[in-house]
Amino acid sequence: PSHAPAIVFFFGGGWSSGTPQQFEPQC
């Protein structure tokens, strides 16, 4: 990548639980 756009995903879980794997398909 060179000067590419980026996106960062934050998982859900009520600020109590969850995992970064939630948004693996989108990534």
Full PDB file with SEQRES, HELIX, SHEET, SSBOND, CRYST1, ORIGX, SCALE, CONECT and MASTER records, all heavy atoms in Angstrom:
SEQRES   1 A   27  PRO SER HIS ALA PRO ALA ILE VAL PHE PHE PHE GLY GLY          
SEQRES   2 A   27  GLY TRP SER SER GLY THR PRO GLN GLN PHE GLU PRO GLN          
SEQRES   3 A   27  CYS                                                          
HELIX    1 AA1 PRO A   20  PHE A   23  5                                   4    
CRYST1    1.000    1.000    1.000  90.00  90.00  90.00 P 1           1          
ORIGX1      1.000000  0.000000  0.000000        0.00000                         
ORIGX2      0.000000  1.000000  0.000000        0.00000                         
ORIGX3      0.000000  0.000000  1.000000        0.00000                         
SCALE1      1.000000  0.000000  0.000000        0.00000                         
SCALE2      0.000000  1.000000  0.000000        0.00000                         
SCALE3      0.000000  0.000000  1.000000        0.00000                         
ATOM      1  N   PRO A   1       0.828  -1.212   0.000  1.00  0.00           N  
ATOM      2  CA  PRO A   1       0.000   0.000   0.000  1.00  0.00           C  
ATOM      3  C   PRO A   1       0.857   1.255   0.000  1.00  0.00           C  
ATOM      4  O   PRO A   1       1.931   1.297   0.610  1.00  0.00           O  
ATOM      5  CB  PRO A   1      -0.796  -0.130   1.301  1.00  0.00           C  
ATOM      6  CG  PRO A   1       0.074  -0.954   2.193  1.00  0.00           C  
ATOM      7  CD  PRO A   1       0.744  -1.939   1.282  1.00  0.00           C  
ATOM      8  N   SER A   2       0.384   2.267  -0.680  1.00  0.00           N  
ATOM      9  CA  SER A   2       1.079   3.549  -0.716  1.00  0.00           C  
ATOM     10  C   SER A   2       0.040   4.664  -0.718  1.00  0.00           C  
ATOM     11  O   SER A   2      -0.746   4.790  -1.658  1.00  0.00           O  
ATOM     12  CB  SER A   2       1.962   3.648  -1.962  1.00  0.00           C  
ATOM     13  OG  SER A   2       2.587   4.917  -2.033  1.00  0.00           O  
ATOM     14  N   HIS A   3       0.030   5.432   0.351  1.00  0.00           N  
ATOM     15  CA  HIS A   3      -0.917   6.545   0.475  1.00  0.00           C  
ATOM     16  C   HIS A   3      -2.351   6.057   0.324  1.00  0.00           C  
ATOM     17  O   HIS A   3      -3.200   6.717  -0.285  1.00  0.00           O  
ATOM     18  CB  HIS A   3      -0.596   7.627  -0.561  1.00  0.00           C  
ATOM     19  CG  HIS A   3      -0.712   9.021   0.010  1.00  0.00           C  
ATOM     20  ND1 HIS A   3       0.021   9.467   1.084  1.00  0.00           N  
ATOM     21  CD2 HIS A   3      -1.493  10.076  -0.357  1.00  0.00           C  
ATOM     22  CE1 HIS A   3      -0.280  10.707   1.351  1.00  0.00           C  
ATOM     23  NE2 HIS A   3      -1.196  11.099   0.500  1.00  0.00           N  
ATOM     24  N   ALA A   4      -2.628   4.863   0.857  1.00  0.00           N  
ATOM     25  CA  ALA A   4      -3.952   4.248   0.729  1.00  0.00           C  
ATOM     26  C   ALA A   4      -4.905   4.786   1.793  1.00  0.00           C  
ATOM     27  O   ALA A   4      -4.485   5.170   2.884  1.00  0.00           O  
ATOM     28  CB  ALA A   4      -3.828   2.734   0.870  1.00  0.00           C  
ATOM     29  N   PRO A   5      -6.205   4.797   1.493  1.00  0.00           N  
ATOM     30  CA  PRO A   5      -7.181   5.121   2.544  1.00  0.00           C  
ATOM     31  C   PRO A   5      -7.217   3.995   3.567  1.00  0.00           C  
ATOM     32  O   PRO A   5      -6.876   2.844   3.258  1.00  0.00           O  
ATOM     33  CB  PRO A   5      -8.492   5.223   1.777  1.00  0.00           C  
ATOM     34  CG  PRO A   5      -8.299   4.349   0.581  1.00  0.00           C  
ATOM     35  CD  PRO A   5      -6.844   4.475   0.213  1.00  0.00           C  
ATOM     36  N   ALA A   6      -7.643   4.312   4.776  1.00  0.00           N  
ATOM     37  CA  ALA A   6      -7.680   3.320   5.851  1.00  0.00           C  
ATOM     38  C   ALA A   6      -9.005   3.403   6.588  1.00  0.00           C  
ATOM     39  O   ALA A   6      -9.688   4.424   6.568  1.00  0.00           O  
ATOM     40  CB  ALA A   6      -6.525   3.535   6.822  1.00  0.00           C  
ATOM     41  N   ILE A   7      -9.348   2.295   7.247  1.00  0.00           N  
ATOM     42  CA  ILE A   7     -10.534   2.270   8.092  1.00  0.00           C  
ATOM     43  C   ILE A   7     -10.228   1.407   9.306  1.00  0.00           C  
ATOM     44  O   ILE A   7      -9.584   0.369   9.194  1.00  0.00           O  
ATOM     45  CB  ILE A   7     -11.761   1.725   7.322  1.00  0.00           C  
ATOM     46  CG1 ILE A   7     -13.040   1.836   8.169  1.00  0.00           C  
ATOM     47  CG2 ILE A   7     -11.537   0.295   6.836  1.00  0.00           C  
ATOM     48  CD1 ILE A   7     -14.317   1.616   7.362  1.00  0.00           C  
ATOM     49  N   VAL A   8     -10.640   1.876  10.487  1.00  0.00           N  
ATOM     50  CA  VAL A   8     -10.435   1.120  11.716  1.00  0.00           C  
ATOM     51  C   VAL A   8     -11.798   0.831  12.340  1.00  0.00           C  
ATOM     52  O   VAL A   8     -12.621   1.738  12.508  1.00  0.00           O  
ATOM     53  CB  VAL A   8      -9.509   1.864  12.711  1.00  0.00           C  
ATOM     54  CG1 VAL A   8      -9.997   3.266  13.029  1.00  0.00           C  
ATOM     55  CG2 VAL A   8      -9.311   1.040  13.980  1.00  0.00           C  
ATOM     56  N   PHE A   9     -12.048  -0.441  12.651  1.00  0.00           N  
ATOM     57  CA  PHE A   9     -13.312  -0.894  13.213  1.00  0.00           C  
ATOM     58  C   PHE A   9     -13.179  -1.139  14.714  1.00  0.00           C  
ATOM     59  O   PHE A   9     -12.194  -1.734  15.168  1.00  0.00           O  
ATOM     60  CB  PHE A   9     -13.747  -2.206  12.552  1.00  0.00           C  
ATOM     61  CG  PHE A   9     -14.213  -2.066  11.131  1.00  0.00           C  
ATOM     62  CD1 PHE A   9     -13.317  -2.190  10.082  1.00  0.00           C  
ATOM     63  CD2 PHE A   9     -15.551  -1.829  10.844  1.00  0.00           C  
ATOM     64  CE1 PHE A   9     -13.746  -2.081   8.758  1.00  0.00           C  
ATOM     65  CE2 PHE A   9     -15.983  -1.716   9.536  1.00  0.00           C  
ATOM     66  CZ  PHE A   9     -15.083  -1.841   8.487  1.00  0.00           C  
ATOM     67  N   PHE A  10     -14.223  -0.726  15.458  1.00  0.00           N  
ATOM     68  CA  PHE A  10     -14.313  -0.986  16.891  1.00  0.00           C  
ATOM     69  C   PHE A  10     -15.515  -1.898  17.143  1.00  0.00           C  
ATOM     70  O   PHE A  10     -16.641  -1.580  16.764  1.00  0.00           O  
ATOM     71  CB  PHE A  10     -14.459   0.319  17.668  1.00  0.00           C  
ATOM     72  CG  PHE A  10     -13.285   1.250  17.487  1.00  0.00           C  
ATOM     73  CD1 PHE A  10     -13.363   2.327  16.615  1.00  0.00           C  
ATOM     74  CD2 PHE A  10     -12.093   1.021  18.165  1.00  0.00           C  
ATOM     75  CE1 PHE A  10     -12.273   3.179  16.435  1.00  0.00           C  
ATOM     76  CE2 PHE A  10     -10.998   1.858  17.982  1.00  0.00           C  
ATOM     77  CZ  PHE A  10     -11.089   2.938  17.120  1.00  0.00           C  
ATOM     78  N   PHE A  11     -15.264  -3.040  17.776  1.00  0.00           N  
ATOM     79  CA  PHE A  11     -16.307  -4.044  17.984  1.00  0.00           C  
ATOM     80  C   PHE A  11     -17.358  -3.571  18.980  1.00  0.00           C  
ATOM     81  O   PHE A  11     -17.131  -2.679  19.792  1.00  0.00           O  
ATOM     82  CB  PHE A  11     -15.693  -5.364  18.464  1.00  0.00           C  
ATOM     83  CG  PHE A  11     -14.899  -5.265  19.747  1.00  0.00           C  
ATOM     84  CD1 PHE A  11     -15.518  -5.293  20.977  1.00  0.00           C  
ATOM     85  CD2 PHE A  11     -13.513  -5.153  19.712  1.00  0.00           C  
ATOM     86  CE1 PHE A  11     -14.800  -5.202  22.160  1.00  0.00           C  
ATOM     87  CE2 PHE A  11     -12.769  -5.066  20.888  1.00  0.00           C  
ATOM     88  CZ  PHE A  11     -13.408  -5.094  22.112  1.00  0.00           C  
ATOM     89  N   GLY A  12     -18.527  -4.227  18.921  1.00  0.00           N  
ATOM     90  CA  GLY A  12     -19.599  -3.960  19.863  1.00  0.00           C  
ATOM     91  C   GLY A  12     -19.550  -4.919  21.045  1.00  0.00           C  
ATOM     92  O   GLY A  12     -18.834  -5.910  21.039  1.00  0.00           O  
ATOM     93  N   GLY A  13     -20.373  -4.620  22.038  1.00  0.00           N  
ATOM     94  CA  GLY A  13     -20.422  -5.454  23.238  1.00  0.00           C  
ATOM     95  C   GLY A  13     -20.790  -4.678  24.479  1.00  0.00           C  
ATOM     96  O   GLY A  13     -20.493  -5.104  25.590  1.00  0.00           O  
ATOM     97  N   GLY A  14     -21.456  -3.542  24.305  1.00  0.00           N  
ATOM     98  CA  GLY A  14     -21.898  -2.766  25.466  1.00  0.00           C  
ATOM     99  C   GLY A  14     -20.765  -2.209  26.296  1.00  0.00           C  
ATOM    100  O   GLY A  14     -20.938  -1.992  27.493  1.00  0.00           O  
ATOM    101  N   TRP A  15     -19.599  -1.976  25.691  1.00  0.00           N  
ATOM    102  CA  TRP A  15     -18.373  -1.560  26.387  1.00  0.00           C  
ATOM    103  C   TRP A  15     -17.963  -2.579  27.443  1.00  0.00           C  
ATOM    104  O   TRP A  15     -17.160  -2.283  28.312  1.00  0.00           O  
ATOM    105  CB  TRP A  15     -18.522  -0.197  27.063  1.00  0.00           C  
ATOM    106  CG  TRP A  15     -19.042   0.907  26.226  1.00  0.00           C  
ATOM    107  CD1 TRP A  15     -18.438   1.508  25.162  1.00  0.00           C  
ATOM    108  CD2 TRP A  15     -20.292   1.591  26.395  1.00  0.00           C  
ATOM    109  NE1 TRP A  15     -19.231   2.496  24.645  1.00  0.00           N  
ATOM    110  CE2 TRP A  15     -20.383   2.571  25.396  1.00  0.00           C  
ATOM    111  CE3 TRP A  15     -21.342   1.454  27.295  1.00  0.00           C  
ATOM    112  CZ2 TRP A  15     -21.473   3.425  25.267  1.00  0.00           C  
ATOM    113  CZ3 TRP A  15     -22.444   2.284  27.170  1.00  0.00           C  
ATOM    114  CH2 TRP A  15     -22.495   3.264  26.163  1.00  0.00           C  
ATOM    115  N   SER A  16     -18.533  -3.778  27.364  1.00  0.00           N  
ATOM    116  CA  SER A  16     -18.305  -4.780  28.404  1.00  0.00           C  
ATOM    117  C   SER A  16     -17.649  -6.040  27.882  1.00  0.00           C  
ATOM    118  O   SER A  16     -16.962  -6.740  28.635  1.00  0.00           O  
ATOM    119  CB  SER A  16     -19.644  -5.143  29.071  1.00  0.00           C  
ATOM    120  OG  SER A  16     -19.465  -6.083  30.092  1.00  0.00           O  
ATOM    121  N   SER A  17     -17.857  -6.366  26.616  1.00  0.00           N  
ATOM    122  CA  SER A  17     -17.316  -7.595  26.051  1.00  0.00           C  
ATOM    123  C   SER A  17     -17.113  -7.389  24.554  1.00  0.00           C  
ATOM    124  O   SER A  17     -17.205  -6.275  24.052  1.00  0.00           O  
ATOM    125  CB  SER A  17     -18.269  -8.766  26.315  1.00  0.00           C  
ATOM    126  OG  SER A  17     -19.538  -8.501  25.727  1.00  0.00           O  
ATOM    127  N   GLY A  18     -16.866  -8.486  23.831  1.00  0.00           N  
ATOM    128  CA  GLY A  18     -16.703  -8.411  22.388  1.00  0.00           C  
ATOM    129  C   GLY A  18     -15.294  -8.762  21.948  1.00  0.00           C  
ATOM    130  O   GLY A  18     -14.391  -8.962  22.773  1.00  0.00           O  
ATOM    131  N   THR A  19     -15.113  -8.837  20.640  1.00  0.00           N  
ATOM    132  CA  THR A  19     -13.826  -9.225  20.076  1.00  0.00           C  
ATOM    133  C   THR A  19     -13.582  -8.518  18.747  1.00  0.00           C  
ATOM    134  O   THR A  19     -14.538  -8.286  17.977  1.00  0.00           O  
ATOM    135  CB  THR A  19     -13.755 -10.747  19.850  1.00  0.00           C  
ATOM    136  OG1 THR A  19     -12.566 -11.075  19.109  1.00  0.00           O  
ATOM    137  CG2 THR A  19     -14.961 -11.257  19.086  1.00  0.00           C  
ATOM    138  N   PRO A  20     -12.333  -8.200  18.437  1.00  0.00           N  
ATOM    139  CA  PRO A  20     -12.013  -7.592  17.142  1.00  0.00           C  
ATOM    140  C   PRO A  20     -12.381  -8.470  15.949  1.00  0.00           C  
ATOM    141  O   PRO A  20     -12.442  -7.974  14.819  1.00  0.00           O  
ATOM    142  CB  PRO A  20     -10.494  -7.380  17.226  1.00  0.00           C  
ATOM    143  CG  PRO A  20     -10.217  -7.243  18.683  1.00  0.00           C  
ATOM    144  CD  PRO A  20     -11.171  -8.207  19.341  1.00  0.00           C  
ATOM    145  N   GLN A  21     -12.646  -9.745  16.185  1.00  0.00           N  
ATOM    146  CA  GLN A  21     -13.013 -10.626  15.069  1.00  0.00           C  
ATOM    147  C   GLN A  21     -14.380 -10.298  14.484  1.00  0.00           C  
ATOM    148  O   GLN A  21     -14.716 -10.764  13.396  1.00  0.00           O  
ATOM    149  CB  GLN A  21     -12.960 -12.089  15.506  1.00  0.00           C  
ATOM    150  CG  GLN A  21     -11.526 -12.610  15.583  1.00  0.00           C  
ATOM    151  CD  GLN A  21     -11.463 -14.115  15.685  1.00  0.00           C  
ATOM    152  OE1 GLN A  21     -11.635 -14.664  16.767  1.00  0.00           O  
ATOM    153  NE2 GLN A  21     -11.207 -14.770  14.580  1.00  0.00           N  
ATOM    154  N   GLN A  22     -15.160  -9.483  15.181  1.00  0.00           N  
ATOM    155  CA  GLN A  22     -16.488  -9.137  14.682  1.00  0.00           C  
ATOM    156  C   GLN A  22     -16.426  -8.569  13.266  1.00  0.00           C  
ATOM    157  O   GLN A  22     -17.289  -8.867  12.439  1.00  0.00           O  
ATOM    158  CB  GLN A  22     -17.162  -8.133  15.614  1.00  0.00           C  
ATOM    159  CG  GLN A  22     -18.550  -7.711  15.127  1.00  0.00           C  
ATOM    160  CD  GLN A  22     -19.224  -6.728  16.054  1.00  0.00           C  
ATOM    161  OE1 GLN A  22     -18.609  -6.154  16.948  1.00  0.00           O  
ATOM    162  NE2 GLN A  22     -20.517  -6.514  15.854  1.00  0.00           N  
ATOM    163  N   PHE A  23     -15.431  -7.749  12.987  1.00  0.00           N  
ATOM    164  CA  PHE A  23     -15.392  -7.057  11.708  1.00  0.00           C  
ATOM    165  C   PHE A  23     -14.332  -7.619  10.759  1.00  0.00           C  
ATOM    166  O   PHE A  23     -13.917  -6.933   9.818  1.00  0.00           O  
ATOM    167  CB  PHE A  23     -15.184  -5.551  11.932  1.00  0.00           C  
ATOM    168  CG  PHE A  23     -16.422  -4.868  12.442  1.00  0.00           C  
ATOM    169  CD1 PHE A  23     -16.547  -4.538  13.786  1.00  0.00           C  
ATOM    170  CD2 PHE A  23     -17.473  -4.582  11.589  1.00  0.00           C  
ATOM    171  CE1 PHE A  23     -17.691  -3.918  14.257  1.00  0.00           C  
ATOM    172  CE2 PHE A  23     -18.625  -3.967  12.046  1.00  0.00           C  
ATOM    173  CZ  PHE A  23     -18.740  -3.624  13.386  1.00  0.00           C  
ATOM    174  N   GLU A  24     -13.939  -8.851  10.973  1.00  0.00           N  
ATOM    175  CA  GLU A  24     -12.977  -9.487  10.067  1.00  0.00           C  
ATOM    176  C   GLU A  24     -13.495  -9.548   8.623  1.00  0.00           C  
ATOM    177  O   GLU A  24     -12.737  -9.225   7.691  1.00  0.00           O  
ATOM    178  CB  GLU A  24     -12.618 -10.885  10.555  1.00  0.00           C  
ATOM    179  CG  GLU A  24     -11.621 -11.582   9.643  1.00  0.00           C  
ATOM    180  CD  GLU A  24     -11.274 -12.991  10.124  1.00  0.00           C  
ATOM    181  OE1 GLU A  24     -11.808 -13.427  11.169  1.00  0.00           O  
ATOM    182  OE2 GLU A  24     -10.463 -13.649   9.453  1.00  0.00           O  
ATOM    183  N   PRO A  25     -14.759  -9.948   8.365  1.00  0.00           N  
ATOM    184  CA  PRO A  25     -15.211  -9.998   6.967  1.00  0.00           C  
ATOM    185  C   PRO A  25     -15.131  -8.647   6.255  1.00  0.00           C  
ATOM    186  O   PRO A  25     -14.717  -8.564   5.097  1.00  0.00           O  
ATOM    187  CB  PRO A  25     -16.664 -10.480   7.088  1.00  0.00           C  
ATOM    188  CG  PRO A  25     -16.733 -11.173   8.398  1.00  0.00           C  
ATOM    189  CD  PRO A  25     -15.797 -10.415   9.295  1.00  0.00           C  
ATOM    190  N   GLN A  26     -15.518  -7.592   6.968  1.00  0.00           N  
ATOM    191  CA  GLN A  26     -15.456  -6.259   6.373  1.00  0.00           C  
ATOM    192  C   GLN A  26     -14.012  -5.869   6.070  1.00  0.00           C  
ATOM    193  O   GLN A  26     -13.718  -5.276   5.023  1.00  0.00           O  
ATOM    194  CB  GLN A  26     -16.106  -5.236   7.297  1.00  0.00           C  
ATOM    195  CG  GLN A  26     -17.628  -5.359   7.417  1.00  0.00           C  
ATOM    196  CD  GLN A  26     -18.091  -6.357   8.456  1.00  0.00           C  
ATOM    197  OE1 GLN A  26     -17.311  -7.157   8.969  1.00  0.00           O  
ATOM    198  NE2 GLN A  26     -19.372  -6.297   8.808  1.00  0.00           N  
ATOM    199  N   CYS A  27     -13.109  -6.184   7.002  1.00  0.00           N  
ATOM    200  CA  CYS A  27     -11.699  -5.847   6.793  1.00  0.00           C  
ATOM    201  C   CYS A  27     -11.139  -6.567   5.577  1.00  0.00           C  
ATOM    202  O   CYS A  27     -10.425  -5.965   4.753  1.00  0.00           O  
ATOM    203  CB  CYS A  27     -10.881  -6.209   8.032  1.00  0.00           C  
ATOM    204  SG  CYS A  27     -11.057  -5.049   9.404  1.00  0.00           S  
TER     205      CYS A  27                                                      
MASTER        0    0    0    1    0    0    0    6  204    1    0    3          
END                                                                             
